[in-house]
Amino acid sequence: MEIVSYDDFKRLDMRVVKVIKADRILQKTKILKLTINIGSGETRTVIAGGAEFYSPEDFLGKKFVALVNLAPKKIAGIESHGMLLAAVSGEKPFWLTVDDEAPVGANVI
């Protein structure tokens, strides 16, 4: 395990986000395309794994913890602008969800 400084940790922009759209990706069985609201009316497209365990409906309208200042990366021809955070056991992700009362865009510290 690599140790990081508090200053490095502070550079991560983790927020409460809400999935406003969730779609399967043609010919892809392990990833989904999500549109998330990250707060202040801003939306982002992110690619999430676990499509073999979860349907798009499992994400729609729910709140998660996401890293929103991750460098964009093209996955399956789609540019992903962030990453939902999850715990992993084996190959199945367990998404970090947030109580419905937590406001979208709230910083995670």
Protein backbone atom coordinates (compact mmCIF):
# COMPACT_ATOMS: atom_id res chain seq x y z
CA MET A 1 0.00 0.00 0.00
CA GLU A 2 1.36 3.38 -0.99
CA ILE A 3 1.03 6.19 1.56
CA VAL A 4 -0.28 9.52 0.25
CA SER A 5 -0.07 12.91 1.88
CA TYR A 6 -3.10 14.83 3.06
CA ASP A 7 -2.31 17.41 0.36
CA ASP A 8 -2.57 14.67 -2.28
CA PHE A 9 -5.88 13.50 -0.80
CA LYS A 10 -7.28 17.06 -0.85
CA ARG A 11 -6.78 17.14 -4.64
CA LEU A 12 -9.47 14.48 -5.07
CA ASP A 13 -12.91 15.96 -5.78
CA MET A 14 -15.30 13.36 -4.42
CA ARG A 15 -18.97 14.25 -4.35
CA VAL A 16 -22.46 12.94 -3.86
CA VAL A 17 -23.87 12.42 -7.35
CA LYS A 18 -27.22 11.28 -8.70
CA VAL A 19 -27.68 9.04 -11.72
CA ILE A 20 -30.16 10.70 -14.07
CA LYS A 21 -29.76 8.31 -17.01
CA ALA A 22 -28.44 4.76 -17.29
CA ASP A 23 -28.02 2.75 -20.47
CA ARG A 24 -26.56 -0.51 -21.67
CA ILE A 25 -23.80 -0.22 -24.26
CA LEU A 26 -24.26 -2.22 -27.45
CA GLN A 27 -22.11 -5.35 -27.57
CA LYS A 28 -20.75 -4.71 -24.05
CA THR A 29 -21.85 -6.98 -21.20
CA LYS A 30 -19.72 -5.70 -18.32
CA ILE A 31 -20.14 -1.90 -18.48
CA LEU A 32 -22.94 0.67 -18.46
CA LYS A 33 -23.10 4.29 -19.60
CA LEU A 34 -24.37 6.60 -16.87
CA THR A 35 -25.22 10.28 -16.89
CA ILE A 36 -24.71 11.77 -13.45
CA ASN A 37 -25.66 15.08 -11.88
CA ILE A 38 -22.60 16.28 -9.93
CA GLY A 39 -24.24 19.40 -8.51
CA SER A 40 -24.82 23.00 -9.63
CA GLY A 41 -26.70 21.70 -12.67
CA GLU A 42 -23.59 20.08 -14.16
CA THR A 43 -23.83 16.61 -15.66
CA ARG A 44 -21.16 14.14 -16.69
CA THR A 45 -21.00 10.86 -18.56
CA VAL A 46 -19.27 8.03 -16.72
CA ILE A 47 -18.75 4.38 -17.53
CA ALA A 48 -19.46 1.97 -14.70
CA GLY A 49 -18.53 -1.69 -14.49
CA GLY A 50 -20.65 -4.45 -13.06
CA ALA A 51 -23.28 -4.66 -15.82
CA GLU A 52 -23.21 -8.44 -15.46
CA PHE A 53 -24.47 -7.96 -11.88
CA TYR A 54 -26.59 -4.80 -12.13
CA SER A 55 -29.16 -3.47 -14.60
CA PRO A 56 -29.46 0.20 -15.60
CA GLU A 57 -32.54 0.40 -13.37
CA ASP A 58 -30.39 -0.41 -10.34
CA PHE A 59 -28.63 2.96 -10.84
CA LEU A 60 -31.37 5.26 -12.09
CA GLY A 61 -32.40 7.93 -9.60
CA LYS A 62 -29.98 6.79 -6.91
CA LYS A 63 -27.17 8.68 -5.20
CA PHE A 64 -23.57 7.48 -5.15
CA VAL A 65 -20.10 8.69 -4.22
CA ALA A 66 -18.02 9.63 -7.27
CA LEU A 67 -14.59 11.00 -8.09
CA VAL A 68 -15.40 13.87 -10.45
CA ASN A 69 -11.97 15.33 -11.23
CA LEU A 70 -10.49 12.14 -12.66
CA ALA A 71 -8.82 12.66 -16.05
CA PRO A 72 -11.21 11.70 -18.88
CA LYS A 73 -10.70 8.26 -20.39
CA LYS A 74 -12.22 6.73 -23.50
CA ILE A 75 -13.86 3.38 -22.75
CA ALA A 76 -15.75 1.46 -25.44
CA GLY A 77 -15.62 4.58 -27.61
CA ILE A 78 -17.27 6.74 -24.93
CA GLU A 79 -15.40 9.38 -22.99
CA SER A 80 -15.85 8.84 -19.25
CA HIS A 81 -15.51 11.94 -17.05
CA GLY A 82 -15.33 10.52 -13.55
CA MET A 83 -15.79 7.30 -11.63
CA LEU A 84 -18.34 5.95 -9.19
CA LEU A 85 -16.63 4.49 -6.13
CA ALA A 86 -17.21 0.91 -5.10
CA ALA A 87 -15.97 -1.78 -2.77
CA VAL A 88 -15.05 -4.98 -4.59
CA SER A 89 -15.31 -8.57 -3.47
CA GLY A 90 -14.25 -10.98 -6.18
CA GLU A 91 -15.43 -9.39 -9.41
CA LYS A 92 -18.66 -7.83 -8.10
CA PRO A 93 -18.60 -4.11 -7.28
CA PHE A 94 -20.62 -2.89 -4.30
CA TRP A 95 -21.35 0.74 -5.10
CA LEU A 96 -20.91 3.36 -2.37
CA THR A 97 -24.40 4.78 -2.06
CA VAL A 98 -25.54 7.75 -0.04
CA ASP A 99 -28.60 8.44 2.09
CA ASP A 100 -31.26 10.18 0.03
CA GLU A 101 -31.08 13.27 2.27
CA ALA A 102 -27.46 14.01 1.27
CA PRO A 103 -27.56 16.82 -1.31
CA VAL A 104 -26.26 16.23 -4.80
CA GLY A 105 -22.88 17.93 -5.18
CA ALA A 106 -21.97 17.65 -1.49
CA ASN A 107 -18.25 17.13 -1.00
CA VAL A 108 -17.09 13.83 0.45
CA ILE A 109 -14.29 14.34 2.95
